[in-house]
C-alpha atoms as a PDB file:
ATOM      1  CA  MET A   1     130.865 102.223  88.633  1.00  0.00           C
ATOM      2  CA  GLY A   2     130.833 104.673  91.540  1.00  0.00           C
ATOM      3  CA  GLY A   3     134.036 103.177  92.914  1.00  0.00           C
ATOM      4  CA  CYS A   4     135.721 103.834  89.573  1.00  0.00           C
ATOM      5  CA  ALA A   5     134.951 107.567  89.526  1.00  0.00           C
ATOM      6  CA  TYR A   6     137.600 109.784  87.985  1.00  0.00           C
ATOM      7  CA  HIS A   7     138.886 112.476  90.349  1.00  0.00           C
ATOM      8  CA  GLY A   8     141.911 113.752  88.447  1.00  0.00           C
ATOM      9  CA  GLY A   9     144.473 112.161  90.765  1.00  0.00           C
ATOM     10  CA  ALA A  10     146.469 108.965  90.697  1.00  0.00           C
ATOM     11  CA  ARG A  11     143.525 106.800  91.791  1.00  0.00           C
ATOM     12  CA  ASN A  12     141.700 105.384  88.762  1.00  0.00           C
ATOM     13  CA  SER A  13     143.626 107.733  86.481  1.00  0.00           C
ATOM     14  CA  ILE A  14     143.104 107.573  82.707  1.00  0.00           C
ATOM     15  CA  ASP A  15     146.857 108.213  82.425  1.00  0.00           C
ATOM     16  CA  ASN A  16     147.506 104.709  83.721  1.00  0.00           C
ATOM     17  CA  PRO A  17     146.649 102.132  81.021  1.00  0.00           C
ATOM     18  CA  ALA A  18     145.966  99.577  83.740  1.00  0.00           C
ATOM     19  CA  THR A  19     143.076 101.606  85.195  1.00  0.00           C
ATOM     20  CA  ALA A  20     142.045 103.846  82.277  1.00  0.00           C
ATOM     21  CA  LYS A  21     139.020 101.842  81.129  1.00  0.00           C
ATOM     22  CA  PHE A  22     137.526 101.741  84.605  1.00  0.00           C
ATOM     23  CA  ALA A  23     137.637 105.538  84.952  1.00  0.00           C
ATOM     24  CA  TRP A  24     136.712 106.383  81.351  1.00  0.00           C
ATOM     25  CA  PHE A  25     132.948 106.764  81.782  1.00  0.00           C
ATOM     26  CA  SER A  26     133.427 109.059  84.758  1.00  0.00           C
ATOM     27  CA  PHE A  27     136.044 111.040  82.826  1.00  0.00           C
ATOM     28  CA  LEU A  28     133.620 111.538  79.923  1.00  0.00           C
ATOM     29  CA  ASP A  29     130.900 112.519  82.369  1.00  0.00           C
ATOM     30  CA  GLY A  30     133.113 115.246  83.860  1.00  0.00           C
ATOM     31  CA  ASN A  31     132.505 113.911  87.357  1.00  0.00           C
ATOM     32  CA  ASP A  32     135.485 115.693  88.905  1.00  0.00           C
ATOM     33  CA  ILE A  33     134.618 119.008  87.222  1.00  0.00           C
ATOM     34  CA  ARG A  34     130.996 118.714  88.367  1.00  0.00           C
ATOM     35  CA  GLU A  35     132.088 118.152  91.972  1.00  0.00           C
ATOM     36  CA  ALA A  36     134.511 121.092  91.900  1.00  0.00           C
ATOM     37  CA  CYS A  37     131.872 123.298  90.291  1.00  0.00           C
ATOM     38  CA  ALA A  38     129.323 122.435  92.981  1.00  0.00           C
ATOM     39  CA  ALA A  39     131.902 123.295  95.643  1.00  0.00           C
ATOM     40  CA  GLN A  40     132.514 126.665  93.981  1.00  0.00           C
ATOM     41  CA  ALA A  41     128.803 127.432  93.939  1.00  0.00           C
ATOM     42  CA  ALA A  42     128.418 126.401  97.582  1.00  0.00           C
ATOM     43  CA  ALA A  43     131.353 128.601  98.608  1.00  0.00           C
ATOM     44  CA  GLY A  44     130.104 131.530  96.540  1.00  0.00           C
ATOM     45  CA  THR A  45     133.297 131.592  94.434  1.00  0.00           C
ATOM     46  CA  THR A  46     131.438 131.778  91.131  1.00  0.00           C
ATOM     47  CA  GLN A  47     133.974 134.219  89.679  1.00  0.00           C
ATOM     48  CA  ALA A  48     136.616 131.494  89.501  1.00  0.00           C
ATOM     49  CA  PRO A  49     138.165 130.956  86.033  1.00  0.00           C
ATOM     50  CA  PRO A  50     136.296 128.455  83.846  1.00  0.00           C
ATOM     51  CA  GLN A  51     137.427 124.890  83.212  1.00  0.00           C
ATOM     52  CA  TYR A  52     136.525 122.605  80.318  1.00  0.00           C
ATOM     53  CA  ARG A  53     137.112 119.050  79.141  1.00  0.00           C
ATOM     54  CA  LEU A  54     136.469 117.971  75.570  1.00  0.00           C
ATOM     55  CA  VAL A  55     136.874 114.370  74.482  1.00  0.00           C
ATOM     56  CA  TYR A  56     136.888 112.986  70.953  1.00  0.00           C
ATOM     57  CA  ASN A  57     135.911 109.372  70.328  1.00  0.00           C
ATOM     58  CA  GLY A  58     137.334 108.360  66.956  1.00  0.00           C
ATOM     59  CA  GLN A  59     136.110 104.795  67.371  1.00  0.00           C
ATOM     60  CA  TYR A  60     137.289 103.950  70.885  1.00  0.00           C
ATOM     61  CA  ASP A  61     139.720 101.171  69.993  1.00  0.00           C
ATOM     62  CA  SER A  62     141.252 103.255  67.182  1.00  0.00           C
ATOM     63  CA  GLN A  63     141.644 106.744  68.632  1.00  0.00           C
ATOM     64  CA  VAL A  64     140.603 108.911  71.567  1.00  0.00           C
ATOM     65  CA  ARG A  65     141.659 112.502  72.248  1.00  0.00           C
ATOM     66  CA  ALA A  66     141.167 114.593  75.390  1.00  0.00           C
ATOM     67  CA  TYR A  67     141.564 118.339  75.832  1.00  0.00           C
ATOM     68  CA  GLU A  68     141.625 120.068  79.217  1.00  0.00           C
ATOM     69  CA  ILE A  69     141.278 123.867  79.133  1.00  0.00           C
ATOM     70  CA  TYR A  70     142.009 125.759  82.331  1.00  0.00           C
ATOM     71  CA  GLY A  71     141.100 129.437  82.487  1.00  0.00           C
ATOM     72  CA  ALA A  72     143.414 131.883  84.234  1.00  0.00           C
ATOM     73  CA  PRO A  73     142.473 134.976  86.295  1.00  0.00           C
ATOM     74  CA  SER A  74     144.069 137.085  83.533  1.00  0.00           C
ATOM     75  CA  GLY A  75     141.467 135.879  81.033  1.00  0.00           C
ATOM     76  CA  GLY A  76     143.852 133.609  79.149  1.00  0.00           C
ATOM     77  CA  GLY A  77     144.364 129.952  79.872  1.00  0.00           C
ATOM     78  CA  THR A  78     146.202 126.695  79.301  1.00  0.00           C
ATOM     79  CA  LEU A  79     145.272 123.844  76.979  1.00  0.00           C
ATOM     80  CA  LYS A  80     146.492 120.334  77.713  1.00  0.00           C
ATOM     81  CA  ALA A  81     146.056 117.874  74.842  1.00  0.00           C
ATOM     82  CA  ARG A  82     146.246 114.099  75.033  1.00  0.00           C
ATOM     83  CA  ALA A  83     145.766 111.599  72.223  1.00  0.00           C
ATOM     84  CA  LYS A  84     146.286 107.908  71.676  1.00  0.00           C
ATOM     85  CA  GLY A  85     145.549 105.233  69.137  1.00  0.00           C
ATOM     86  CA  PRO A  86     145.892 101.449  69.258  1.00  0.00           C
ATOM     87  CA  GLY A  87     148.901 100.153  71.205  1.00  0.00           C
ATOM     88  CA  ASN A  88     152.001 100.356  69.002  1.00  0.00           C
ATOM     89  CA  LEU A  89     154.220  97.410  69.934  1.00  0.00           C
ATOM     90  CA  THR A  90     156.589  98.125  67.034  1.00  0.00           C
ATOM     91  CA  ASN A  91     157.666 101.441  68.565  1.00  0.00           C
ATOM     92  CA  TRP A  92     157.994  99.774  71.955  1.00  0.00           C
ATOM     93  CA  PHE A  93     160.494  97.236  70.636  1.00  0.00           C
ATOM     94  CA  ILE A  94     162.440  99.878  68.671  1.00  0.00           C
ATOM     95  CA  GLN A  95     162.757 102.137  71.719  1.00  0.00           C
ATOM     96  CA  ASP A  96     163.786  99.210  73.929  1.00  0.00           C
ATOM     97  CA  THR A  97     161.976 100.814  76.847  1.00  0.00           C
ATOM     98  CA  ALA A  98     161.488  99.175  80.229  1.00  0.00           C
ATOM     99  CA  ASP A  99     157.972 100.642  80.399  1.00  0.00           C
ATOM    100  CA  LEU A 100     155.746  97.654  79.595  1.00  0.00           C
ATOM    101  CA  LEU A 101     152.703  99.899  79.139  1.00  0.00           C
ATOM    102  CA  ALA A 102     154.425 102.426  76.841  1.00  0.00           C
ATOM    103  CA  PRO A 103     152.516 101.394  73.666  1.00  0.00           C
ATOM    104  CA  TRP A 104     149.215 102.313  75.326  1.00  0.00           C
ATOM    105  CA  ARG A 105     150.167 105.616  76.926  1.00  0.00           C
ATOM    106  CA  TRP A 106     149.012 109.051  75.767  1.00  0.00           C
ATOM    107  CA  HIS A 107     150.830 111.476  73.479  1.00  0.00           C
ATOM    108  CA  GLU A 108     150.685 114.811  75.325  1.00  0.00           C
ATOM    109  CA  SER A 109     151.247 118.514  74.731  1.00  0.00           C
ATOM    110  CA  THR A 110     150.522 121.794  76.526  1.00  0.00           C
ATOM    111  CA  ALA A 111     149.861 125.224  75.012  1.00  0.00           C
ATOM    112  CA  ALA A 112     149.290 128.652  76.536  1.00  0.00           C
ATOM    113  CA  LEU A 113     146.160 130.516  75.397  1.00  0.00           C
ATOM    114  CA  SER A 114     146.038 134.288  75.175  1.00  0.00           C
ATOM    115  CA  VAL A 115     143.007 136.277  76.316  1.00  0.00           C
ATOM    116  CA  GLY A 116     141.887 136.515  72.699  1.00  0.00           C
ATOM    117  CA  GLU A 117     142.365 132.806  72.041  1.00  0.00           C
ATOM    118  CA  MET A 118     140.439 131.883  75.171  1.00  0.00           C
ATOM    119  CA  ALA A 119     137.588 134.144  74.082  1.00  0.00           C
ATOM    120  CA  GLN A 120     137.672 132.575  70.621  1.00  0.00           C
ATOM    121  CA  PHE A 121     137.470 129.083  72.067  1.00  0.00           C
ATOM    122  CA  ARG A 122     134.603 129.927  74.411  1.00  0.00           C
ATOM    123  CA  ALA A 123     132.647 131.596  71.600  1.00  0.00           C
ATOM    124  CA  ALA A 124     133.071 128.557  69.326  1.00  0.00           C
ATOM    125  CA  LEU A 125     131.996 126.238  72.137  1.00  0.00           C
ATOM    126  CA  THR A 126     128.882 128.280  72.894  1.00  0.00           C
ATOM    127  CA  GLN A 127     127.984 128.523  69.204  1.00  0.00           C
ATOM    128  CA  SER A 128     128.239 124.713  69.048  1.00  0.00           C
ATOM    129  CA  GLY A 129     125.449 124.395  71.641  1.00  0.00           C
ATOM    130  CA  PHE A 130     127.400 124.073  74.878  1.00  0.00           C
ATOM    131  CA  GLY A 131     125.425 125.576  77.766  1.00  0.00           C
ATOM    132  CA  SER A 132     122.062 125.115  76.060  1.00  0.00           C
ATOM    133  CA  GLY A 133     121.224 121.839  77.810  1.00  0.00           C
ATOM    134  CA  ALA A 134     122.512 118.359  77.100  1.00  0.00           C
ATOM    135  CA  PRO A 135     120.806 116.377  74.280  1.00  0.00           C
ATOM    136  CA  GLN A 136     118.685 114.021  76.372  1.00  0.00           C
ATOM    137  CA  GLY A 137     118.580 110.364  75.380  1.00  0.00           C
ATOM    138  CA  LEU A 138     121.410 110.666  72.861  1.00  0.00           C
ATOM    139  CA  ARG A 139     123.274 107.366  72.564  1.00  0.00           C
ATOM    140  CA  LEU A 140     127.032 107.363  72.044  1.00  0.00           C
ATOM    141  CA  ASP A 141     128.508 104.146  70.676  1.00  0.00           C
ATOM    142  CA  SER A 142     132.161 103.377  71.306  1.00  0.00           C
ATOM    143  CA  ASN A 143     132.491 102.247  67.692  1.00  0.00           C
ATOM    144  CA  ASP A 144     131.261 105.592  66.336  1.00  0.00           C
ATOM    145  CA  PHE A 145     132.635 109.141  66.136  1.00  0.00           C
ATOM    146  CA  TYR A 146     131.604 111.890  68.549  1.00  0.00           C
ATOM    147  CA  TRP A 147     132.707 114.738  70.826  1.00  0.00           C
ATOM    148  CA  VAL A 148     131.584 115.285  74.406  1.00  0.00           C
ATOM    149  CA  ALA A 149     132.285 118.334  76.550  1.00  0.00           C
ATOM    150  CA  SER A 150     131.930 119.115  80.227  1.00  0.00           C
ATOM    151  CA  GLY A 151     132.794 122.354  81.948  1.00  0.00           C
ATOM    152  CA  CYS A 152     132.256 124.800  84.758  1.00  0.00           C
ATOM    153  CA  GLU A 153     131.439 128.439  84.076  1.00  0.00           C
ATOM    154  CA  GLY A 154     130.533 130.843  86.862  1.00  0.00           C
ATOM    155  CA  GLY A 155     129.750 128.038  89.284  1.00  0.00           C
ATOM    156  CA  ARG A 156     127.450 126.278  86.800  1.00  0.00           C
ATOM    157  CA  PHE A 157     128.215 122.877  85.300  1.00  0.00           C
ATOM    158  CA  HIS A 158     127.349 122.110  81.675  1.00  0.00           C
ATOM    159  CA  PHE A 159     127.549 119.010  79.505  1.00  0.00           C
ATOM    160  CA  TYR A 160     127.017 118.514  75.784  1.00  0.00           C
ATOM    161  CA  ALA A 161     127.645 115.898  73.077  1.00  0.00           C
ATOM    162  CA  TRP A 162     128.041 116.032  69.297  1.00  0.00           C
ATOM    163  CA  PRO A 163     127.659 112.784  67.343  1.00  0.00           C
ATOM    164  CA  ALA A 164     128.859 112.527  63.755  1.00  0.00           C
ATOM    165  CA  ARG A 165     126.032 113.076  61.266  1.00  0.00           C
ATOM    166  CA  GLN A 166     126.380 111.464  57.858  1.00  0.00           C
ATOM    167  CA  GLY A 167     130.030 110.837  58.675  1.00  0.00           C
ATOM    168  CA  ARG A 168     130.669 114.518  59.500  1.00  0.00           C
ATOM    169  CA  LEU A 169     131.061 116.628  62.641  1.00  0.00           C
ATOM    170  CA  ASP A 170     130.032 120.014  61.276  1.00  0.00           C
ATOM    171  CA  ALA A 171     128.322 121.059  64.522  1.00  0.00           C
ATOM    172  CA  ALA A 172     131.542 120.900  66.543  1.00  0.00           C
ATOM    173  CA  LEU A 173     132.756 124.404  65.663  1.00  0.00           C
ATOM    174  CA  PHE A 174     135.537 124.252  68.270  1.00  0.00           C
ATOM    175  CA  GLN A 175     137.292 121.285  66.646  1.00  0.00           C
ATOM    176  CA  ASP A 176     139.614 123.287  64.388  1.00  0.00           C
ATOM    177  CA  PHE A 177     140.661 125.483  67.317  1.00  0.00           C
ATOM    178  CA  LEU A 178     141.648 122.483  69.426  1.00  0.00           C
ATOM    179  CA  LEU A 179     143.559 120.818  66.611  1.00  0.00           C
ATOM    180  CA  ARG A 180     145.497 124.032  65.900  1.00  0.00           C
ATOM    181  CA  HIS A 181     146.750 123.985  69.488  1.00  0.00           C
ATOM    182  CA  ASP A 182     147.370 120.235  69.590  1.00  0.00           C
ATOM    183  CA  GLY A 183     151.066 119.361  69.662  1.00  0.00           C
ATOM    184  CA  THR A 184     150.679 115.650  70.389  1.00  0.00           C
ATOM    185  CA  GLY A 185     151.857 114.701  66.909  1.00  0.00           C
ATOM    186  CA  LEU A 186     149.130 112.078  66.448  1.00  0.00           C
ATOM    187  CA  PRO A 187     147.073 112.817  63.294  1.00  0.00           C
ATOM    188  CA  PHE A 188     143.376 113.415  63.848  1.00  0.00           C
ATOM    189  CA  ARG A 189     141.252 110.446  62.812  1.00  0.00           C
ATOM    190  CA  GLN A 190     138.508 111.876  60.648  1.00  0.00           C
ATOM    191  CA  PRO A 191     134.983 110.500  61.025  1.00  0.00           C
ATOM    192  CA  HIS A 192     133.449 108.425  58.254  1.00  0.00           C
ATOM    193  CA  ARG A 193     130.116 106.801  57.582  1.00  0.00           C
ATOM    194  CA  LEU A 194     130.017 103.503  59.389  1.00  0.00           C
ATOM    195  CA  SER A 195     129.602 100.364  57.367  1.00  0.00           C
ATOM    196  CA  ALA A 196     126.837  97.931  58.265  1.00  0.00           C
ATOM    197  CA  GLU A 197     129.480  95.695  59.823  1.00  0.00           C
ATOM    198  CA  GLU A 198     130.861  98.552  61.940  1.00  0.00           C
ATOM    199  CA  ARG A 199     127.417  99.543  63.153  1.00  0.00           C
ATOM    200  CA  GLY A 200     126.537  95.975  64.005  1.00  0.00           C
ATOM    201  CA  SER A 201     129.763  95.369  65.932  1.00  0.00           C
ATOM    202  CA  THR A 202     128.602  97.622  68.767  1.00  0.00           C
ATOM    203  CA  HIS A 203     126.078  94.998  69.809  1.00  0.00           C
ATOM    204  CA  ALA A 204     127.338  91.878  68.047  1.00  0.00           C
ATOM    205  CA  ALA A 205     130.739  90.392  67.375  1.00  0.00           C
ATOM    206  CA  GLY A 206     132.446  91.574  64.194  1.00  0.00           C
ATOM    207  CA  ASN A 207     135.912  91.744  62.633  1.00  0.00           C
ATOM    208  CA  GLY A 208     137.076  89.038  65.018  1.00  0.00           C
ATOM    209  CA  ARG A 209     136.148  91.204  67.999  1.00  0.00           C
ATOM    210  CA  ASN A 210     134.058  90.281  70.989  1.00  0.00           C
ATOM    211  CA  ALA A 211     130.901  92.368  71.255  1.00  0.00           C
ATOM    212  CA  SER A 212     131.618  92.878  74.953  1.00  0.00           C
ATOM    213  CA  ASP A 213     134.617  95.044  73.952  1.00  0.00           C
ATOM    214  CA  ASN A 214     132.146  97.709  72.799  1.00  0.00           C
ATOM    215  CA  PHE A 215     129.861  99.929  74.821  1.00  0.00           C
ATOM    216  CA  THR A 216     127.079 102.436  74.373  1.00  0.00           C
ATOM    217  CA  LEU A 217     126.502 105.406  76.677  1.00  0.00           C
ATOM    218  CA  GLU A 218     123.355 107.486  77.015  1.00  0.00           C
ATOM    219  CA  VAL A 219     123.115 111.189  77.838  1.00  0.00           C
ATOM    220  CA  ARG A 220     120.806 111.963  80.756  1.00  0.00           C
ATOM    221  CA  GLY A 221     120.562 115.147  82.745  1.00  0.00           C
ATOM    222  CA  GLU A 222     123.797 117.091  82.478  1.00  0.00           C
ATOM    223  CA  GLY A 223     126.087 114.148  81.817  1.00  0.00           C
ATOM    224  CA  ILE A 224     126.459 110.441  81.092  1.00  0.00           C
ATOM    225  CA  GLY A 225     123.506 108.921  82.893  1.00  0.00           C
ATOM    226  CA  GLY A 226     123.276 105.467  81.388  1.00  0.00           C
ATOM    227  CA  LEU A 227     125.474 102.600  80.303  1.00  0.00           C
ATOM    228  CA  VAL A 228     123.538 100.648  77.701  1.00  0.00           C
ATOM    229  CA  ASN A 229     126.115  97.977  76.960  1.00  0.00           C
ATOM    230  CA  ALA A 230     129.430  97.614  78.821  1.00  0.00           C
ATOM    231  CA  PHE A 231     132.600  95.848  77.752  1.00  0.00           C
END
């Protein structure tokens, strides 16, 4: 997996459907943010603006959303939203596009954040538990609903995860803020209680799917430290 690390560039980019799956674990882990944060700390540039990545898993094969928040020296920032669902071949045929991977590409939008909005976001994130230490041993199934966040604040890297509880994500207090600034046009897929069949399909075939299409990640340290079951 080390050779598939996400670094934010063209190599192993999640923006390329052909390589997205190979870089996904590293993207969730915030590998590139962790490396940049360590470099800041080593250089003594701990006053650099913060950076965050929040990812929503709305059952991996049905919907994933990613939000990148970049702080600015002014105190404001920029929010880049990306979202995608299952490949939509119908739209591809209607648009008559030459892009063979178009049905699997992200919907994207960018929004500017004022100083007040940035402060509001950071407060909601902190109140949700971010910065208090990652929930060790937490398992995140691709067939379930959860948020993960990674970020660098003052030269310190943090990671956190919020699984759905009883089909709800009440602990993720930042969710409404992100959705208000999301211009991707793809409706948010709300979490629900998993059926017995859905829960079983993470480790056994179900709904005509191969069990190897699913995966389970485990939180260790400040990030994704374990791959329990890969596709």
